[in-house]
Amino acid sequence: MHAAVLRYIDQVARLGSIRRAASVLNVASSAVNRQILKLEAELGTPLFERVGNGVRPTAAGDYLIRHARETLAGWQNVCGEIATLSGNVHGEVRIVSIPAPIVRILPNAIVATSQRHPNITYRIIDATPQEHAEEMRARRPDIAILFIDRRYRGYNVVARIKMRLGAIMRPDHPLASRKELSLTECAAHPVIMLSDPWILNAAAEAEFTHSGAQFKATALTNSLPMTKEMMRAGLGIGFFTPAGFINELKAGELVHVPLTEPDLSLSEIGVLIHRDRQSAPPVRALSASLIQEFASLEEDIKAWTASR
C-alpha cells in the first residue's frame, strides 16, 4: 500500500473530516475521497461512516488505521536510522506535558538535544487539559511528561520521579513553619486553585473533590508562571509538587509544606515514550536528554529536602 494513501487514512482518522485532512495534506478533497473509496472497494467493506459534518472509522477502519500508523512510524524510523549513519539526525518530535516540567525539564532537555542535533524540530502541545487527554488516548505524542497512569498502555516509562504534593506559599505565610498541613487547614487561608484538576493525578483530584474543604480562591488558573508570581506576591497558597518550583524553593523565595491526606502523600511524574516510535533517532535523542534532566531534578530535590 502506497505511503501517501496511508497518510490520507491517518489524517482523516485524526481530524474526523475528509475536507480538513485534505487541507492539512495540501491535496484536493476529491483525491482523498477517491483513495478511500478505492480501498473500500478493494477490501469489500466501509472504512469510515458519516457522522454529522464529519466521518469516523468503522471497526474495519480501526484495523487499517492501526496498520497505517505502525507502517508510517516504521518508515520514519528507517529514514531516521539511515540519516543517523551520516550523523544527520532530523525530524519532528511531538511532546505533551503537564505544566511543571515545561518550566525547567523540557526546555533544558531541548537545549541539550539541539546542541547535538540542530535539525530536530519540537512540537510542544499547548492545549487545554481535555485536549491533552485526547492526545494520549489517540497515542499522538512521541513523548509525554505526565503523572504516571496505567491507562497509557501504548507508552513505556523511561524515567520517573516521586514527589509529595504540598502547599506552596511565601516563607512569611502563617502556615510556612508547619511540617505538614491538611487541606482543611489550608482552606482557612486564601488559595490559588487550578482551573482544571486534570493537571493533578486522578487520586489527588478525587481527594480535593471529596475532602470537604471549602476553599476561598483568590484566583483560578492553569498557568504555572501566573500562579508562581501570585504566590510570590502573597496572594494565596498553591498546591503542587516541588518540580516546577525547585529554584524558588532552593532560593528560599517559596516554601513547600507536604499535605497529610493519604492520596496526596506521593505523586509520580514520568517520561513516557511511544512504543512504536521509541527507536526513532529524534525521539531517542530527546528522551536521553529528558532522562538526564529527571536525574538532575531528583538530585536537586534530594539536596533541597536534606537542607530543610
Protein backbone atom coordinates (compact mmCIF):
# COMPACT_ATOMS: atom_id res chain seq x y z
CA MET A 1 0.00 0.00 0.00
CA HIS A 2 1.43 3.38 -1.02
CA ALA A 3 2.69 5.65 1.78
CA ALA A 4 0.58 8.58 0.52
CA VAL A 5 -2.61 6.55 0.92
CA LEU A 6 -1.63 5.63 4.45
CA ARG A 7 -1.12 9.30 5.27
CA TYR A 8 -4.57 10.07 3.87
CA ILE A 9 -6.17 7.42 6.08
CA ASP A 10 -4.23 8.57 9.13
CA GLN A 11 -5.16 12.24 8.75
CA VAL A 12 -8.84 11.56 8.06
CA ALA A 13 -8.99 9.47 11.24
CA ARG A 14 -7.16 12.12 13.30
CA LEU A 15 -9.26 15.03 12.10
CA GLY A 16 -12.59 13.26 11.59
CA SER A 17 -13.05 15.05 8.27
CA ILE A 18 -12.01 14.36 4.68
CA ARG A 19 -12.05 18.08 3.89
CA ARG A 20 -9.86 19.04 6.84
CA ALA A 21 -7.47 16.16 6.15
CA ALA A 22 -7.13 17.26 2.54
CA SER A 23 -6.36 20.80 3.68
CA VAL A 24 -3.60 19.58 6.02
CA LEU A 25 -2.19 17.30 3.32
CA ASN A 26 -2.43 20.07 0.70
CA VAL A 27 -4.36 17.90 -1.76
CA ALA A 28 -7.87 18.03 -3.18
CA SER A 29 -10.69 16.58 -1.09
CA SER A 30 -11.77 14.56 -4.10
CA ALA A 31 -8.34 12.89 -4.25
CA VAL A 32 -8.57 11.79 -0.61
CA ASN A 33 -12.16 10.61 -1.03
CA ARG A 34 -11.26 8.72 -4.21
CA GLN A 35 -8.45 6.81 -2.49
CA ILE A 36 -10.72 5.88 0.42
CA LEU A 37 -13.44 4.64 -1.95
CA LYS A 38 -10.84 2.65 -3.88
CA LEU A 39 -9.62 0.99 -0.69
CA GLU A 40 -13.17 0.25 0.44
CA ALA A 41 -13.90 -1.41 -2.91
CA GLU A 42 -10.68 -3.42 -2.69
CA LEU A 43 -11.35 -4.57 0.88
CA GLY A 44 -15.07 -5.04 0.38
CA THR A 45 -16.10 -3.08 3.47
CA PRO A 46 -16.62 0.54 4.54
CA LEU A 47 -13.69 2.15 6.37
CA PHE A 48 -15.47 5.31 7.54
CA GLU A 49 -19.05 6.22 8.32
CA ARG A 50 -20.54 9.69 8.15
CA VAL A 51 -21.49 11.40 11.44
CA GLY A 52 -22.77 14.97 11.40
CA ASN A 53 -20.34 17.05 9.36
CA GLY A 54 -17.52 14.53 9.58
CA VAL A 55 -16.57 10.88 9.50
CA ARG A 56 -15.42 8.25 11.98
CA PRO A 57 -13.73 4.88 11.44
CA THR A 58 -15.69 1.65 11.30
CA ALA A 59 -14.32 -1.47 13.01
CA ALA A 60 -12.52 -2.33 9.76
CA GLY A 61 -11.26 1.23 9.56
CA ASP A 62 -9.76 0.96 13.03
CA TYR A 63 -7.71 -2.05 11.94
CA LEU A 64 -6.47 -0.25 8.84
CA ILE A 65 -5.63 2.92 10.78
CA ARG A 66 -3.56 0.90 13.25
CA HIS A 67 -1.68 -0.68 10.34
CA ALA A 68 -1.20 2.71 8.66
CA ARG A 69 0.27 4.29 11.78
CA GLU A 70 2.56 1.36 12.51
CA THR A 71 3.78 1.37 8.91
CA LEU A 72 4.34 5.13 8.82
CA ALA A 73 6.15 5.02 12.17
CA GLY A 74 8.34 2.20 10.89
CA TRP A 75 9.16 4.15 7.74
CA GLN A 76 10.08 7.23 9.78
CA ASN A 77 12.32 5.09 11.96
CA VAL A 78 14.10 3.65 8.92
CA CYS A 79 14.60 7.11 7.42
CA GLY A 80 15.93 8.36 10.73
CA GLU A 81 18.34 5.44 11.14
CA ILE A 82 19.70 5.98 7.63
CA ALA A 83 20.16 9.69 8.37
CA THR A 84 21.94 8.78 11.60
CA LEU A 85 24.58 6.87 9.66
CA SER A 86 25.71 10.19 8.21
CA GLY A 87 25.38 11.97 11.57
CA ASN A 88 22.36 13.92 10.34
CA VAL A 89 19.58 13.31 12.86
CA HIS A 90 16.49 15.23 11.83
CA GLY A 91 12.72 15.05 12.13
CA GLU A 92 9.93 16.24 14.40
CA VAL A 93 9.19 15.17 17.97
CA ARG A 94 5.64 15.67 19.26
CA ILE A 95 5.51 16.29 23.02
CA VAL A 96 2.68 16.70 25.53
CA SER A 97 3.42 17.75 29.11
CA ILE A 98 1.80 18.91 32.30
CA PRO A 99 2.85 22.49 33.17
CA ALA A 100 5.56 21.90 35.80
CA PRO A 101 8.13 20.15 33.54
CA ILE A 102 7.75 22.89 30.91
CA VAL A 103 9.32 25.35 33.37
CA ARG A 104 12.68 23.59 33.60
CA ILE A 105 12.92 19.95 32.49
CA LEU A 106 11.67 20.22 28.92
CA PRO A 107 13.48 23.46 27.92
CA ASN A 108 16.77 22.18 29.33
CA ALA A 109 16.39 18.85 27.53
CA ILE A 110 15.57 20.55 24.23
CA VAL A 111 18.57 22.88 24.53
CA ALA A 112 20.90 19.95 25.23
CA THR A 113 19.47 17.90 22.35
CA SER A 114 19.55 20.82 19.91
CA GLN A 115 23.23 21.43 20.61
CA ARG A 116 23.98 17.90 19.40
CA HIS A 117 21.26 17.63 16.75
CA PRO A 118 20.26 21.07 15.42
CA ASN A 119 17.99 19.66 12.69
CA ILE A 120 15.39 18.24 15.08
CA THR A 121 12.18 20.26 15.48
CA TYR A 122 9.88 20.07 18.51
CA ARG A 123 6.10 20.32 18.52
CA ILE A 124 5.06 21.04 22.12
CA ILE A 125 1.32 20.67 22.64
CA ASP A 126 -0.02 23.81 24.32
CA ALA A 127 -3.68 22.94 24.66
CA THR A 128 -6.45 22.50 27.19
CA PRO A 129 -6.24 19.60 29.65
CA GLN A 130 -9.08 17.88 27.79
CA GLU A 131 -7.10 18.09 24.55
CA HIS A 132 -4.04 16.70 26.32
CA ALA A 133 -6.11 13.71 27.43
CA GLU A 134 -7.37 13.22 23.88
CA GLU A 135 -3.78 13.36 22.59
CA MET A 136 -2.89 10.47 24.88
CA ARG A 137 -5.99 8.44 24.07
CA ALA A 138 -5.17 8.75 20.37
CA ARG A 139 -1.47 7.99 21.07
CA ARG A 140 -0.35 11.00 19.06
CA PRO A 141 2.59 12.24 21.18
CA ASP A 142 6.00 10.71 20.67
CA ILE A 143 6.91 11.73 24.22
CA ALA A 144 4.72 12.66 27.19
CA ILE A 145 5.72 14.07 30.58
CA LEU A 146 2.77 13.31 32.82
CA PHE A 147 1.65 11.77 36.06
CA ILE A 148 2.13 8.04 35.51
CA ASP A 149 -1.16 6.38 34.62
CA ARG A 150 -1.82 2.75 33.73
CA ARG A 151 -4.23 3.84 31.02
CA TYR A 152 -1.30 4.91 28.84
CA ARG A 153 -0.61 1.36 27.67
CA GLY A 154 0.93 2.35 24.36
CA TYR A 155 3.84 4.06 26.14
CA ASN A 156 6.94 2.91 28.01
CA VAL A 157 8.08 4.78 31.12
CA VAL A 158 11.81 5.54 30.74
CA ALA A 159 12.24 7.88 33.72
CA ARG A 160 10.22 8.64 36.81
CA ILE A 161 10.43 10.72 39.93
CA LYS A 162 8.33 10.54 43.10
CA MET A 163 7.34 13.76 44.83
CA ARG A 164 4.94 14.82 47.56
CA LEU A 165 2.12 17.16 46.69
CA GLY A 166 2.18 20.08 49.07
CA ALA A 167 1.04 23.59 49.84
CA ILE A 168 3.40 26.19 48.36
CA MET A 169 3.49 29.69 49.84
CA ARG A 170 5.71 32.60 50.83
CA PRO A 171 8.11 31.97 53.74
CA ASP A 172 6.33 34.66 55.82
CA HIS A 173 2.93 32.95 55.47
CA PRO A 174 1.35 31.91 58.83
CA LEU A 175 1.47 28.22 57.79
CA ALA A 176 5.00 28.25 56.36
CA SER A 177 6.66 26.88 59.51
CA ARG A 178 4.45 23.79 59.70
CA LYS A 179 5.87 20.32 58.95
CA GLU A 180 2.61 19.08 57.39
CA LEU A 181 -0.80 20.52 56.59
CA SER A 182 -4.29 19.22 55.88
CA LEU A 183 -6.49 20.61 53.13
CA THR A 184 -8.93 21.84 55.79
CA GLU A 185 -6.17 23.86 57.47
CA CYS A 186 -5.19 25.37 54.12
CA ALA A 187 -8.82 26.25 53.40
CA ALA A 188 -8.75 28.78 56.25
CA HIS A 189 -6.47 30.93 54.07
CA PRO A 190 -6.77 32.34 50.53
CA VAL A 191 -5.68 29.85 47.87
CA ILE A 192 -4.83 29.87 44.17
CA MET A 193 -6.67 26.96 42.56
CA LEU A 194 -6.24 25.11 39.30
CA SER A 195 -8.93 25.86 36.74
CA ASP A 196 -8.90 22.20 35.74
CA PRO A 197 -7.98 19.43 38.22
CA TRP A 198 -6.76 17.19 35.34
CA ILE A 199 -3.33 18.72 35.99
CA LEU A 200 -3.33 16.75 39.24
CA ASN A 201 -3.25 12.97 39.12
CA ALA A 202 -6.53 11.07 39.46
CA ALA A 203 -6.11 10.22 43.16
CA ALA A 204 -5.23 13.81 44.05
CA GLU A 205 -8.18 15.15 42.08
CA ALA A 206 -10.53 12.83 43.97
CA GLU A 207 -9.03 13.85 47.33
CA PHE A 208 -9.54 17.55 46.58
CA THR A 209 -13.11 16.87 45.43
CA HIS A 210 -14.15 14.77 48.43
CA SER A 211 -12.09 16.38 51.22
CA GLY A 212 -14.95 18.65 52.25
CA ALA A 213 -12.55 21.59 52.49
CA GLN A 214 -14.21 24.86 51.48
CA PHE A 215 -11.56 26.88 49.70
CA LYS A 216 -11.61 30.63 49.21
CA ALA A 217 -9.97 31.04 45.81
CA THR A 218 -8.16 34.29 45.12
CA ALA A 219 -7.67 33.16 41.52
CA LEU A 220 -8.34 30.21 39.21
CA THR A 221 -5.69 29.48 36.59
CA ASN A 222 -3.81 26.66 34.87
CA SER A 223 -0.85 28.96 34.19
CA LEU A 224 2.13 27.91 36.29
CA PRO A 225 4.06 31.20 35.74
CA MET A 226 0.96 33.17 36.77
CA THR A 227 0.46 31.00 39.85
CA LYS A 228 4.11 31.37 40.81
CA GLU A 229 4.01 35.17 40.63
CA MET A 230 0.79 35.36 42.64
CA MET A 231 2.25 33.13 45.36
CA ARG A 232 5.39 35.27 45.44
CA ALA A 233 3.14 38.30 45.92
CA GLY A 234 1.43 36.61 48.86
CA LEU A 235 -1.98 36.35 47.21
CA GLY A 236 -2.55 32.77 48.26
CA ILE A 237 -1.42 29.16 48.69
CA GLY A 238 -0.93 26.87 45.69
CA PHE A 239 -0.98 23.06 45.63
CA PHE A 240 1.86 21.49 43.66
CA THR A 241 4.78 19.09 43.76
CA PRO A 242 8.23 20.75 44.02
CA ALA A 243 9.00 20.00 40.33
CA GLY A 244 8.11 23.37 38.85
CA PHE A 245 9.32 25.40 41.84
CA ILE A 246 12.66 23.88 42.81
CA ASN A 247 14.69 27.02 42.01
CA GLU A 248 12.40 29.23 44.12
CA LEU A 249 12.36 26.66 46.93
CA LYS A 250 16.17 26.40 46.96
CA ALA A 251 16.44 30.20 46.98
CA GLY A 252 14.03 30.48 49.91
CA GLU A 253 11.56 32.55 47.90
CA LEU A 254 8.79 29.99 48.44
CA VAL A 255 8.10 27.18 50.94
CA HIS A 256 6.65 23.71 50.26
CA VAL A 257 4.70 22.05 53.12
CA PRO A 258 3.59 18.42 52.46
CA LEU A 259 -0.12 17.59 52.73
CA THR A 260 -1.33 14.93 55.17
CA GLU A 261 -4.14 13.39 53.10
CA PRO A 262 -3.16 9.78 52.16
CA ASP A 263 -3.91 10.10 48.44
CA LEU A 264 -1.86 13.30 48.29
CA SER A 265 1.20 11.87 50.02
CA LEU A 266 3.06 10.83 46.88
CA SER A 267 2.84 11.65 43.17
CA GLU A 268 4.91 10.12 40.40
CA ILE A 269 5.78 12.03 37.23
CA GLY A 270 7.34 10.15 34.34
CA VAL A 271 8.75 10.40 30.84
CA LEU A 272 6.58 8.23 28.60
CA ILE A 273 7.79 7.18 25.15
CA HIS A 274 5.51 5.88 22.39
CA ARG A 275 6.36 2.20 21.97
CA ASP A 276 6.19 2.28 18.17
CA ARG A 277 8.44 5.36 17.90
CA GLN A 278 10.96 4.92 20.70
CA SER A 279 13.71 3.82 18.30
CA ALA A 280 13.27 6.85 16.00
CA PRO A 281 16.54 8.83 16.29
CA PRO A 282 14.93 12.22 17.13
CA VAL A 283 12.76 10.64 19.82
CA ARG A 284 15.68 8.64 21.17
CA ALA A 285 17.87 11.76 21.31
CA LEU A 286 15.34 13.86 23.23
CA SER A 287 14.39 11.03 25.57
CA ALA A 288 18.07 10.61 26.53
CA SER A 289 18.23 14.31 27.46
CA LEU A 290 14.98 14.07 29.41
CA ILE A 291 16.30 11.11 31.40
CA GLN A 292 19.34 13.21 32.35
CA GLU A 293 17.14 16.15 33.33
CA PHE A 294 14.96 13.92 35.51
CA ALA A 295 18.06 12.61 37.27
CA SER A 296 19.30 16.19 37.79
CA LEU A 297 15.93 17.31 39.18
CA GLU A 298 15.82 14.33 41.54
CA GLU A 299 19.27 15.25 42.89
CA ASP A 300 18.19 18.87 43.37
CA ILE A 301 15.05 17.79 45.24
CA LYS A 302 17.07 15.46 47.47
CA ALA A 303 19.55 18.25 48.26
CA TRP A 304 16.73 20.71 48.96
CA THR A 305 14.91 18.19 51.19
CA ALA A 306 18.10 17.46 53.16
CA SER A 307 18.71 21.18 53.75
CA ARG A 308 15.26 21.89 55.18
